[in-house]
N, C-alpha and C. Protein backbone atom coordinates (compact mmCIF):
# COMPACT_ATOMS: atom_id res chain seq x y z
N MET A 1 48.30 -95.37 71.29
CA MET A 1 46.89 -95.19 70.95
C MET A 1 46.73 -94.08 69.90
N LEU A 2 47.44 -92.95 70.09
CA LEU A 2 47.35 -91.84 69.15
C LEU A 2 48.74 -91.42 68.68
N GLU A 3 48.83 -91.10 67.40
CA GLU A 3 50.06 -90.57 66.81
C GLU A 3 49.69 -89.19 66.27
N ILE A 4 50.34 -88.15 66.79
CA ILE A 4 49.94 -86.77 66.46
C ILE A 4 51.03 -86.10 65.63
N GLN A 5 50.62 -85.53 64.50
CA GLN A 5 51.53 -84.80 63.60
C GLN A 5 51.08 -83.36 63.46
N ASP A 6 51.98 -82.44 63.70
CA ASP A 6 51.70 -81.02 63.53
C ASP A 6 52.04 -80.64 62.09
N MET A 7 51.04 -80.21 61.33
CA MET A 7 51.24 -79.84 59.93
C MET A 7 51.43 -78.32 59.78
N GLY A 8 51.38 -77.59 60.91
CA GLY A 8 51.55 -76.14 60.87
C GLY A 8 50.21 -75.41 60.82
N ASN A 9 50.22 -74.16 61.29
CA ASN A 9 49.03 -73.30 61.27
C ASN A 9 47.80 -73.91 61.97
N GLY A 10 48.03 -74.64 63.06
CA GLY A 10 46.92 -75.20 63.82
C GLY A 10 46.28 -76.43 63.20
N LEU A 11 46.90 -76.94 62.10
CA LEU A 11 46.39 -78.13 61.41
C LEU A 11 47.18 -79.35 61.88
N PHE A 12 46.44 -80.38 62.31
CA PHE A 12 47.07 -81.59 62.83
C PHE A 12 46.46 -82.82 62.18
N VAL A 13 47.29 -83.87 62.08
CA VAL A 13 46.81 -85.19 61.68
C VAL A 13 46.98 -86.08 62.90
N VAL A 14 45.91 -86.74 63.29
CA VAL A 14 45.97 -87.68 64.42
C VAL A 14 45.59 -89.05 63.89
N LYS A 15 46.51 -90.00 64.07
CA LYS A 15 46.26 -91.37 63.64
C LYS A 15 45.88 -92.20 64.86
N ILE A 16 44.79 -92.94 64.74
CA ILE A 16 44.38 -93.85 65.81
C ILE A 16 45.09 -95.18 65.56
N ASN A 17 46.01 -95.53 66.46
CA ASN A 17 46.78 -96.76 66.34
C ASN A 17 46.09 -97.91 67.09
N MET A 18 44.89 -98.24 66.65
CA MET A 18 44.12 -99.32 67.26
C MET A 18 43.40 -100.07 66.15
N ASN A 19 43.32 -101.40 66.26
CA ASN A 19 42.56 -102.18 65.28
C ASN A 19 41.07 -102.05 65.51
N GLU A 20 40.69 -101.98 66.78
CA GLU A 20 39.28 -101.92 67.13
C GLU A 20 39.03 -100.80 68.12
N VAL A 21 38.01 -100.01 67.87
CA VAL A 21 37.60 -98.98 68.83
C VAL A 21 36.29 -99.50 69.45
N LEU A 22 36.46 -100.14 70.59
CA LEU A 22 35.32 -100.75 71.28
C LEU A 22 34.80 -99.81 72.35
N THR A 23 33.61 -100.11 72.84
CA THR A 23 32.96 -99.26 73.84
C THR A 23 33.85 -99.01 75.05
N LEU A 24 34.59 -100.03 75.49
CA LEU A 24 35.47 -99.88 76.66
C LEU A 24 36.64 -98.92 76.39
N ASP A 25 37.04 -98.79 75.14
CA ASP A 25 38.17 -97.92 74.77
C ASP A 25 37.76 -96.46 74.65
N VAL A 26 36.48 -96.21 74.48
CA VAL A 26 35.98 -94.89 74.14
C VAL A 26 36.34 -93.80 75.16
N PRO A 27 36.12 -94.00 76.47
CA PRO A 27 36.44 -92.91 77.41
C PRO A 27 37.91 -92.48 77.34
N GLU A 28 38.83 -93.43 77.26
CA GLU A 28 40.25 -93.09 77.20
C GLU A 28 40.60 -92.41 75.88
N LEU A 29 40.07 -92.92 74.79
CA LEU A 29 40.33 -92.33 73.48
C LEU A 29 39.79 -90.90 73.41
N LYS A 30 38.58 -90.72 73.89
CA LYS A 30 37.96 -89.39 73.90
C LYS A 30 38.80 -88.41 74.73
N GLU A 31 39.24 -88.86 75.91
CA GLU A 31 40.04 -87.99 76.78
C GLU A 31 41.36 -87.61 76.12
N LYS A 32 42.03 -88.59 75.50
CA LYS A 32 43.31 -88.31 74.84
C LYS A 32 43.15 -87.35 73.67
N LEU A 33 42.08 -87.51 72.90
CA LEU A 33 41.82 -86.61 71.78
C LEU A 33 41.52 -85.19 72.28
N GLN A 34 40.68 -85.09 73.30
CA GLN A 34 40.34 -83.76 73.84
C GLN A 34 41.57 -83.09 74.45
N GLN A 35 42.40 -83.85 75.16
CA GLN A 35 43.64 -83.29 75.73
C GLN A 35 44.55 -82.76 74.62
N ALA A 36 44.69 -83.54 73.55
CA ALA A 36 45.54 -83.13 72.44
C ALA A 36 45.01 -81.85 71.80
N ILE A 37 43.70 -81.76 71.60
CA ILE A 37 43.10 -80.57 70.99
C ILE A 37 43.38 -79.33 71.85
N LEU A 38 43.24 -79.47 73.15
CA LEU A 38 43.46 -78.33 74.05
C LEU A 38 44.94 -78.01 74.22
N SER A 39 45.76 -79.02 74.50
CA SER A 39 47.18 -78.76 74.81
C SER A 39 47.97 -78.30 73.58
N LYS A 40 47.59 -78.77 72.41
CA LYS A 40 48.33 -78.40 71.19
C LYS A 40 47.64 -77.29 70.42
N ASP A 41 46.53 -76.79 70.96
CA ASP A 41 45.77 -75.72 70.32
C ASP A 41 45.41 -76.08 68.88
N ILE A 42 44.84 -77.27 68.74
CA ILE A 42 44.44 -77.77 67.42
C ILE A 42 43.21 -76.99 66.94
N LYS A 43 43.33 -76.41 65.75
CA LYS A 43 42.23 -75.66 65.13
C LYS A 43 41.54 -76.48 64.04
N LYS A 44 42.35 -77.28 63.32
CA LYS A 44 41.84 -78.12 62.24
C LYS A 44 42.44 -79.51 62.43
N LEU A 45 41.61 -80.53 62.26
CA LEU A 45 42.05 -81.89 62.56
C LEU A 45 41.63 -82.88 61.49
N VAL A 46 42.59 -83.69 61.05
CA VAL A 46 42.31 -84.83 60.18
C VAL A 46 42.57 -86.07 61.03
N LEU A 47 41.55 -86.91 61.16
CA LEU A 47 41.68 -88.14 61.93
C LEU A 47 41.91 -89.30 60.97
N ASP A 48 43.10 -89.88 61.05
CA ASP A 48 43.51 -90.98 60.17
C ASP A 48 42.99 -92.29 60.77
N LEU A 49 42.09 -92.93 60.04
CA LEU A 49 41.46 -94.17 60.51
C LEU A 49 42.02 -95.41 59.82
N SER A 50 43.16 -95.29 59.16
CA SER A 50 43.67 -96.39 58.34
C SER A 50 43.95 -97.68 59.11
N ASP A 51 44.25 -97.61 60.41
CA ASP A 51 44.52 -98.82 61.20
C ASP A 51 43.26 -99.41 61.84
N VAL A 52 42.17 -98.65 61.84
CA VAL A 52 40.95 -99.09 62.54
C VAL A 52 40.13 -100.02 61.64
N LYS A 53 39.94 -101.26 62.12
CA LYS A 53 39.20 -102.25 61.34
C LYS A 53 37.75 -102.39 61.82
N MET A 54 37.49 -101.95 63.06
CA MET A 54 36.14 -102.05 63.60
C MET A 54 35.90 -100.91 64.58
N ILE A 55 34.68 -100.39 64.57
CA ILE A 55 34.34 -99.30 65.49
C ILE A 55 32.90 -99.47 65.97
N THR A 56 32.68 -99.16 67.23
CA THR A 56 31.32 -99.24 67.78
C THR A 56 30.64 -97.88 67.67
N SER A 57 29.34 -97.87 67.93
CA SER A 57 28.59 -96.62 67.84
C SER A 57 29.09 -95.58 68.84
N SER A 58 29.56 -96.02 70.00
CA SER A 58 30.07 -95.05 70.97
C SER A 58 31.38 -94.43 70.47
N GLY A 59 32.15 -95.18 69.72
CA GLY A 59 33.36 -94.64 69.10
C GLY A 59 33.01 -93.56 68.08
N ILE A 60 31.96 -93.81 67.34
CA ILE A 60 31.48 -92.85 66.35
C ILE A 60 31.01 -91.56 67.04
N GLY A 61 30.44 -91.71 68.22
CA GLY A 61 29.99 -90.54 68.98
C GLY A 61 31.12 -89.56 69.26
N ILE A 62 32.33 -90.09 69.45
CA ILE A 62 33.50 -89.22 69.67
C ILE A 62 33.69 -88.29 68.48
N PHE A 63 33.55 -88.83 67.27
CA PHE A 63 33.75 -88.03 66.06
C PHE A 63 32.76 -86.87 66.00
N LEU A 64 31.53 -87.14 66.40
CA LEU A 64 30.52 -86.08 66.37
C LEU A 64 30.84 -85.00 67.40
N ASN A 65 31.32 -85.41 68.58
CA ASN A 65 31.72 -84.44 69.62
C ASN A 65 32.88 -83.57 69.15
N ILE A 66 33.87 -84.20 68.54
CA ILE A 66 35.04 -83.45 68.06
C ILE A 66 34.62 -82.48 66.96
N ASN A 67 33.78 -82.95 66.05
CA ASN A 67 33.31 -82.09 64.96
C ASN A 67 32.62 -80.85 65.52
N GLN A 68 31.83 -81.03 66.56
CA GLN A 68 31.13 -79.91 67.18
C GLN A 68 32.12 -78.97 67.87
N SER A 69 33.08 -79.53 68.60
CA SER A 69 34.02 -78.67 69.33
C SER A 69 34.97 -77.92 68.40
N LEU A 70 35.28 -78.52 67.24
CA LEU A 70 36.16 -77.85 66.27
C LEU A 70 35.37 -77.05 65.24
N LYS A 71 34.09 -76.89 65.49
CA LYS A 71 33.21 -76.13 64.60
C LYS A 71 33.35 -76.56 63.14
N SER A 72 33.30 -77.86 62.94
CA SER A 72 33.34 -78.49 61.62
C SER A 72 34.69 -78.39 60.90
N SER A 73 35.76 -78.02 61.61
CA SER A 73 37.11 -78.05 61.01
C SER A 73 37.75 -79.40 61.31
N PHE A 74 37.00 -80.44 60.98
CA PHE A 74 37.36 -81.81 61.32
C PHE A 74 37.08 -82.71 60.13
N ARG A 75 38.02 -83.58 59.80
CA ARG A 75 37.87 -84.50 58.67
C ARG A 75 38.25 -85.91 59.12
N LEU A 76 37.57 -86.89 58.55
CA LEU A 76 37.93 -88.29 58.74
C LEU A 76 38.62 -88.75 57.46
N ALA A 77 39.66 -89.57 57.61
CA ALA A 77 40.41 -89.98 56.43
C ALA A 77 40.83 -91.45 56.48
N ALA A 78 40.94 -92.02 55.30
CA ALA A 78 41.50 -93.36 55.08
C ALA A 78 40.83 -94.48 55.86
N PRO A 79 39.48 -94.52 55.89
CA PRO A 79 38.84 -95.60 56.63
C PRO A 79 38.95 -96.95 55.91
N GLN A 80 39.01 -98.02 56.67
CA GLN A 80 38.92 -99.37 56.11
C GLN A 80 37.49 -99.53 55.58
N PRO A 81 37.26 -100.43 54.61
CA PRO A 81 35.91 -100.59 54.04
C PRO A 81 34.81 -100.83 55.08
N GLU A 82 35.07 -101.67 56.07
CA GLU A 82 34.05 -101.95 57.09
C GLU A 82 33.71 -100.71 57.92
N VAL A 83 34.75 -99.93 58.27
CA VAL A 83 34.54 -98.72 59.06
C VAL A 83 33.79 -97.69 58.22
N GLU A 84 34.16 -97.56 56.95
CA GLU A 84 33.47 -96.62 56.06
C GLU A 84 31.99 -96.97 55.95
N LYS A 85 31.69 -98.25 55.86
CA LYS A 85 30.31 -98.72 55.76
C LYS A 85 29.52 -98.30 57.01
N VAL A 86 30.12 -98.48 58.19
CA VAL A 86 29.47 -98.10 59.44
C VAL A 86 29.25 -96.59 59.49
N LEU A 87 30.24 -95.81 59.06
CA LEU A 87 30.12 -94.35 59.06
C LEU A 87 28.98 -93.90 58.14
N GLU A 88 28.84 -94.57 57.00
CA GLU A 88 27.78 -94.21 56.07
C GLU A 88 26.41 -94.65 56.59
N LEU A 89 26.33 -95.85 57.14
CA LEU A 89 25.06 -96.36 57.67
C LEU A 89 24.54 -95.52 58.84
N THR A 90 25.47 -95.01 59.66
CA THR A 90 25.07 -94.20 60.81
C THR A 90 24.91 -92.72 60.45
N LYS A 91 25.09 -92.41 59.17
CA LYS A 91 24.90 -91.04 58.65
C LYS A 91 25.94 -90.04 59.18
N VAL A 92 27.05 -90.53 59.73
CA VAL A 92 28.12 -89.64 60.20
C VAL A 92 28.66 -88.84 59.02
N THR A 93 28.70 -89.47 57.85
CA THR A 93 29.25 -88.80 56.67
C THR A 93 28.39 -87.63 56.20
N SER A 94 27.18 -87.51 56.72
CA SER A 94 26.36 -86.34 56.38
C SER A 94 26.74 -85.14 57.25
N VAL A 95 27.48 -85.40 58.33
CA VAL A 95 27.88 -84.34 59.27
C VAL A 95 29.39 -84.07 59.20
N VAL A 96 30.17 -85.13 59.10
CA VAL A 96 31.63 -85.03 59.08
C VAL A 96 32.12 -85.44 57.70
N LYS A 97 32.99 -84.63 57.11
CA LYS A 97 33.51 -84.95 55.78
C LYS A 97 34.48 -86.13 55.87
N LEU A 98 34.33 -87.05 54.92
CA LEU A 98 35.13 -88.26 54.87
C LEU A 98 35.93 -88.29 53.57
N PHE A 99 37.22 -88.61 53.69
CA PHE A 99 38.11 -88.64 52.52
C PHE A 99 38.82 -89.98 52.45
N SER A 100 39.12 -90.43 51.24
CA SER A 100 39.76 -91.75 51.08
C SER A 100 41.23 -91.73 51.50
N THR A 101 41.86 -90.56 51.48
CA THR A 101 43.27 -90.46 51.91
C THR A 101 43.47 -89.27 52.85
N VAL A 102 44.54 -89.34 53.62
CA VAL A 102 44.89 -88.24 54.52
C VAL A 102 45.23 -87.00 53.69
N ASP A 103 45.96 -87.18 52.58
CA ASP A 103 46.32 -86.05 51.72
C ASP A 103 45.10 -85.31 51.19
N ALA A 104 44.11 -86.07 50.75
CA ALA A 104 42.87 -85.44 50.24
C ALA A 104 42.19 -84.65 51.33
N ALA A 105 42.18 -85.20 52.54
CA ALA A 105 41.55 -84.50 53.67
C ALA A 105 42.31 -83.22 54.00
N LEU A 106 43.64 -83.28 53.98
CA LEU A 106 44.46 -82.09 54.26
C LEU A 106 44.20 -81.00 53.21
N LYS A 107 44.10 -81.41 51.95
CA LYS A 107 43.90 -80.43 50.86
C LYS A 107 42.52 -79.77 50.94
N SER A 108 41.59 -80.39 51.66
CA SER A 108 40.23 -79.84 51.73
C SER A 108 40.15 -78.59 52.61
N PHE A 109 41.19 -78.34 53.39
CA PHE A 109 41.17 -77.16 54.28
C PHE A 109 41.61 -75.91 53.53
């Protein structure tokens, strides 16, 4: 479900290895992300969305929670066109910074 990379200095890249983030998946995904943030002492996080082809509004809610808990040291990266459209329509991109690549998101810190 999650692939976690330590980039050093509290900066991590987490890739969601799921095609669809549906409402039923949200509680488990949220718990795994929160556990990773706490157990690995994540200070800055880039969430790689390159494998995600569809996401529900409850999945998007996770991003807003993480952004709040990391005090805006959170970036979304590499969304598929459909996911990017949903993020823009729901105005998530006005709160969470979105980048076309993981590298661009990492460089933004």
